């Protein structure tokens, strides 16, 4: 839990976390080392990647069924869709609208991972 919080707090920028932790005292060095190790290796619960793919577009290589994605161009927060299946060699994907459970086909060029 601490590692996930720190990944969010430092926006996956390890150099910022290092600066923060080097300012702490030596008494906490072992704890700091363990937290930093977990921070580096923590896998995102949504996209199942490390580092997290928040706001990264969907590709054939990073497609993760079950992950939530949004179209950030539509209103505040965009429309949330759960990835179901990659089809037509990455040209589109099947997704489920979280609002009503409707399954449809979507163009991955318009969607990004919604993690955090």
C-alpha atoms as a PDB file:
ATOM      1  CA  UNK A   1       0.000   0.000   0.000  1.00  0.00           C
ATOM      2  CA  UNK A   2       2.796   2.418   0.840  1.00  0.00           C
ATOM      3  CA  UNK A   3       4.596   1.666  -2.416  1.00  0.00           C
ATOM      4  CA  UNK A   4       1.440   2.309  -4.450  1.00  0.00           C
ATOM      5  CA  UNK A   5       0.844   5.597  -2.647  1.00  0.00           C
ATOM      6  CA  UNK A   6       4.420   6.715  -3.273  1.00  0.00           C
ATOM      7  CA  UNK A   7       4.264   5.706  -6.952  1.00  0.00           C
ATOM      8  CA  UNK A   8       1.240   7.970  -7.311  1.00  0.00           C
ATOM      9  CA  UNK A   9       2.753  10.745  -5.187  1.00  0.00           C
ATOM     10  CA  UNK A  10       6.004  10.802  -7.183  1.00  0.00           C
ATOM     11  CA  UNK A  11       4.280  10.063 -10.538  1.00  0.00           C
ATOM     12  CA  UNK A  12       6.547   7.034 -11.155  1.00  0.00           C
ATOM     13  CA  UNK A  13       9.620   9.298 -11.125  1.00  0.00           C
ATOM     14  CA  UNK A  14      12.209   7.370  -9.135  1.00  0.00           C
ATOM     15  CA  UNK A  15      14.629  10.326  -9.055  1.00  0.00           C
ATOM     16  CA  UNK A  16      12.074  12.428  -7.139  1.00  0.00           C
ATOM     17  CA  UNK A  17      11.556   9.605  -4.655  1.00  0.00           C
ATOM     18  CA  UNK A  18      15.319   9.219  -4.222  1.00  0.00           C
ATOM     19  CA  UNK A  19      15.677  12.914  -3.432  1.00  0.00           C
ATOM     20  CA  UNK A  20      12.883  12.685  -0.871  1.00  0.00           C
ATOM     21  CA  UNK A  21      14.303   9.580   0.785  1.00  0.00           C
ATOM     22  CA  UNK A  22      17.914  10.788   0.915  1.00  0.00           C
ATOM     23  CA  UNK A  23      16.741  13.632   3.108  1.00  0.00           C
ATOM     24  CA  UNK A  24      15.507  11.105   5.726  1.00  0.00           C
ATOM     25  CA  UNK A  25      17.807   9.962   8.501  1.00  0.00           C
ATOM     26  CA  UNK A  26      19.868   6.757   8.551  1.00  0.00           C
ATOM     27  CA  UNK A  27      17.739   5.137  11.263  1.00  0.00           C
ATOM     28  CA  UNK A  28      15.013   4.544   8.704  1.00  0.00           C
ATOM     29  CA  UNK A  29      17.357   3.446   5.890  1.00  0.00           C
ATOM     30  CA  UNK A  30      16.252  -0.222   5.815  1.00  0.00           C
ATOM     31  CA  UNK A  31      12.554   0.702   5.720  1.00  0.00           C
ATOM     32  CA  UNK A  32      13.185   3.314   3.038  1.00  0.00           C
ATOM     33  CA  UNK A  33      15.136   0.806   0.940  1.00  0.00           C
ATOM     34  CA  UNK A  34      12.316  -1.763   1.154  1.00  0.00           C
ATOM     35  CA  UNK A  35       9.651   0.774   0.235  1.00  0.00           C
ATOM     36  CA  UNK A  36      11.697   2.018  -2.726  1.00  0.00           C
ATOM     37  CA  UNK A  37      12.212  -1.537  -3.915  1.00  0.00           C
ATOM     38  CA  UNK A  38       8.464  -2.164  -3.810  1.00  0.00           C
ATOM     39  CA  UNK A  39       7.822   1.161  -5.498  1.00  0.00           C
ATOM     40  CA  UNK A  40      10.006   0.144  -8.407  1.00  0.00           C
ATOM     41  CA  UNK A  41       8.497  -3.318  -8.720  1.00  0.00           C
ATOM     42  CA  UNK A  42       4.843  -2.544  -7.950  1.00  0.00           C
ATOM     43  CA  UNK A  43       2.454  -3.679 -10.654  1.00  0.00           C
ATOM     44  CA  UNK A  44      -0.569  -1.536 -11.437  1.00  0.00           C
ATOM     45  CA  UNK A  45      -3.863  -3.184 -10.508  1.00  0.00           C
ATOM     46  CA  UNK A  46      -5.567  -1.855 -13.652  1.00  0.00           C
ATOM     47  CA  UNK A  47      -3.112  -2.235 -16.557  1.00  0.00           C
ATOM     48  CA  UNK A  48      -1.008  -4.971 -14.864  1.00  0.00           C
ATOM     49  CA  UNK A  49       2.199  -3.178 -15.897  1.00  0.00           C
ATOM     50  CA  UNK A  50       5.216  -1.709 -14.147  1.00  0.00           C
ATOM     51  CA  UNK A  51       5.605   1.140 -14.682  1.00  0.00           C
ATOM     52  CA  UNK A  52       1.898   1.899 -14.876  1.00  0.00           C
ATOM     53  CA  UNK A  53       0.401   2.836 -18.252  1.00  0.00           C
ATOM     54  CA  UNK A  54      -1.893   5.580 -16.936  1.00  0.00           C
ATOM     55  CA  UNK A  55      -2.819   7.922 -19.847  1.00  0.00           C
ATOM     56  CA  UNK A  56      -0.908   5.719 -22.341  1.00  0.00           C
ATOM     57  CA  UNK A  57      -2.704   4.638 -25.515  1.00  0.00           C
ATOM     58  CA  UNK A  58      -3.761   1.052 -26.169  1.00  0.00           C
ATOM     59  CA  UNK A  59      -1.549  -1.012 -28.456  1.00  0.00           C
ATOM     60  CA  UNK A  60      -1.398  -4.628 -29.514  1.00  0.00           C
ATOM     61  CA  UNK A  61       1.628  -5.064 -27.222  1.00  0.00           C
ATOM     62  CA  UNK A  62       0.147  -3.494 -24.078  1.00  0.00           C
ATOM     63  CA  UNK A  63      -3.480  -4.693 -24.385  1.00  0.00           C
ATOM     64  CA  UNK A  64      -4.751  -6.049 -21.050  1.00  0.00           C
ATOM     65  CA  UNK A  65      -8.244  -7.560 -20.946  1.00  0.00           C
ATOM     66  CA  UNK A  66     -10.192  -6.323 -17.929  1.00  0.00           C
ATOM     67  CA  UNK A  67      -8.377  -2.973 -17.691  1.00  0.00           C
ATOM     68  CA  UNK A  68     -10.335   0.277 -17.668  1.00  0.00           C
ATOM     69  CA  UNK A  69      -9.686   2.816 -20.417  1.00  0.00           C
ATOM     70  CA  UNK A  70     -11.186   6.189 -21.304  1.00  0.00           C
ATOM     71  CA  UNK A  71     -11.606   8.460 -24.290  1.00  0.00           C
ATOM     72  CA  UNK A  72     -10.071  11.599 -22.756  1.00  0.00           C
ATOM     73  CA  UNK A  73     -11.459  13.857 -25.497  1.00  0.00           C
ATOM     74  CA  UNK A  74     -15.074  13.409 -24.369  1.00  0.00           C
ATOM     75  CA  UNK A  75     -16.081  15.687 -21.517  1.00  0.00           C
ATOM     76  CA  UNK A  76     -14.717  15.672 -18.014  1.00  0.00           C
ATOM     77  CA  UNK A  77     -13.075  12.332 -17.286  1.00  0.00           C
ATOM     78  CA  UNK A  78     -14.168  10.738 -20.577  1.00  0.00           C
ATOM     79  CA  UNK A  79     -16.245   7.596 -20.964  1.00  0.00           C
ATOM     80  CA  UNK A  80     -14.980   4.556 -19.091  1.00  0.00           C
ATOM     81  CA  UNK A  81     -14.762   1.265 -20.989  1.00  0.00           C
ATOM     82  CA  UNK A  82     -13.458  -2.102 -19.752  1.00  0.00           C
ATOM     83  CA  UNK A  83     -11.225  -3.863 -22.289  1.00  0.00           C
ATOM     84  CA  UNK A  84     -12.632  -7.233 -23.322  1.00  0.00           C
ATOM     85  CA  UNK A  85     -10.785  -8.489 -26.399  1.00  0.00           C
ATOM     86  CA  UNK A  86      -8.366  -7.212 -29.043  1.00  0.00           C
ATOM     87  CA  UNK A  87      -9.712  -7.869 -32.541  1.00  0.00           C
ATOM     88  CA  UNK A  88      -8.665  -7.322 -36.156  1.00  0.00           C
ATOM     89  CA  UNK A  89      -4.936  -7.410 -35.376  1.00  0.00           C
ATOM     90  CA  UNK A  90      -5.082  -4.409 -33.061  1.00  0.00           C
ATOM     91  CA  UNK A  91      -7.199  -2.206 -35.327  1.00  0.00           C
ATOM     92  CA  UNK A  92     -10.073  -2.301 -32.824  1.00  0.00           C
ATOM     93  CA  UNK A  93     -11.034  -3.815 -29.520  1.00  0.00           C
ATOM     94  CA  UNK A  94     -14.176  -5.110 -27.903  1.00  0.00           C
ATOM     95  CA  UNK A  95     -15.037  -3.237 -24.771  1.00  0.00           C
ATOM     96  CA  UNK A  96     -17.798  -3.047 -22.197  1.00  0.00           C
ATOM     97  CA  UNK A  97     -19.278   0.318 -21.175  1.00  0.00           C
ATOM     98  CA  UNK A  98     -19.062   0.443 -17.388  1.00  0.00           C
ATOM     99  CA  UNK A  99     -22.172   2.621 -17.273  1.00  0.00           C
ATOM    100  CA  UNK A 100     -24.574  -0.009 -18.642  1.00  0.00           C
ATOM    101  CA  UNK A 101     -22.542  -3.144 -19.509  1.00  0.00           C
ATOM    102  CA  UNK A 102     -23.124  -2.819 -23.269  1.00  0.00           C
ATOM    103  CA  UNK A 103     -20.420  -4.510 -25.393  1.00  0.00           C
ATOM    104  CA  UNK A 104     -19.157  -2.667 -28.470  1.00  0.00           C
ATOM    105  CA  UNK A 105     -16.178  -2.268 -30.774  1.00  0.00           C
ATOM    106  CA  UNK A 106     -13.822   0.645 -30.256  1.00  0.00           C
ATOM    107  CA  UNK A 107     -10.882   2.243 -32.041  1.00  0.00           C
ATOM    108  CA  UNK A 108      -7.798   2.028 -29.757  1.00  0.00           C
ATOM    109  CA  UNK A 109      -6.444   5.298 -31.205  1.00  0.00           C
ATOM    110  CA  UNK A 110      -8.986   7.209 -29.108  1.00  0.00           C
ATOM    111  CA  UNK A 111      -8.517   5.436 -25.772  1.00  0.00           C
ATOM    112  CA  UNK A 112      -5.918   5.541 -23.003  1.00  0.00           C
ATOM    113  CA  UNK A 113      -5.477   3.533 -19.825  1.00  0.00           C
ATOM    114  CA  UNK A 114      -7.298   4.969 -16.793  1.00  0.00           C
ATOM    115  CA  UNK A 115      -5.205   3.860 -13.832  1.00  0.00           C
ATOM    116  CA  UNK A 116      -4.530   5.328 -10.355  1.00  0.00           C
END
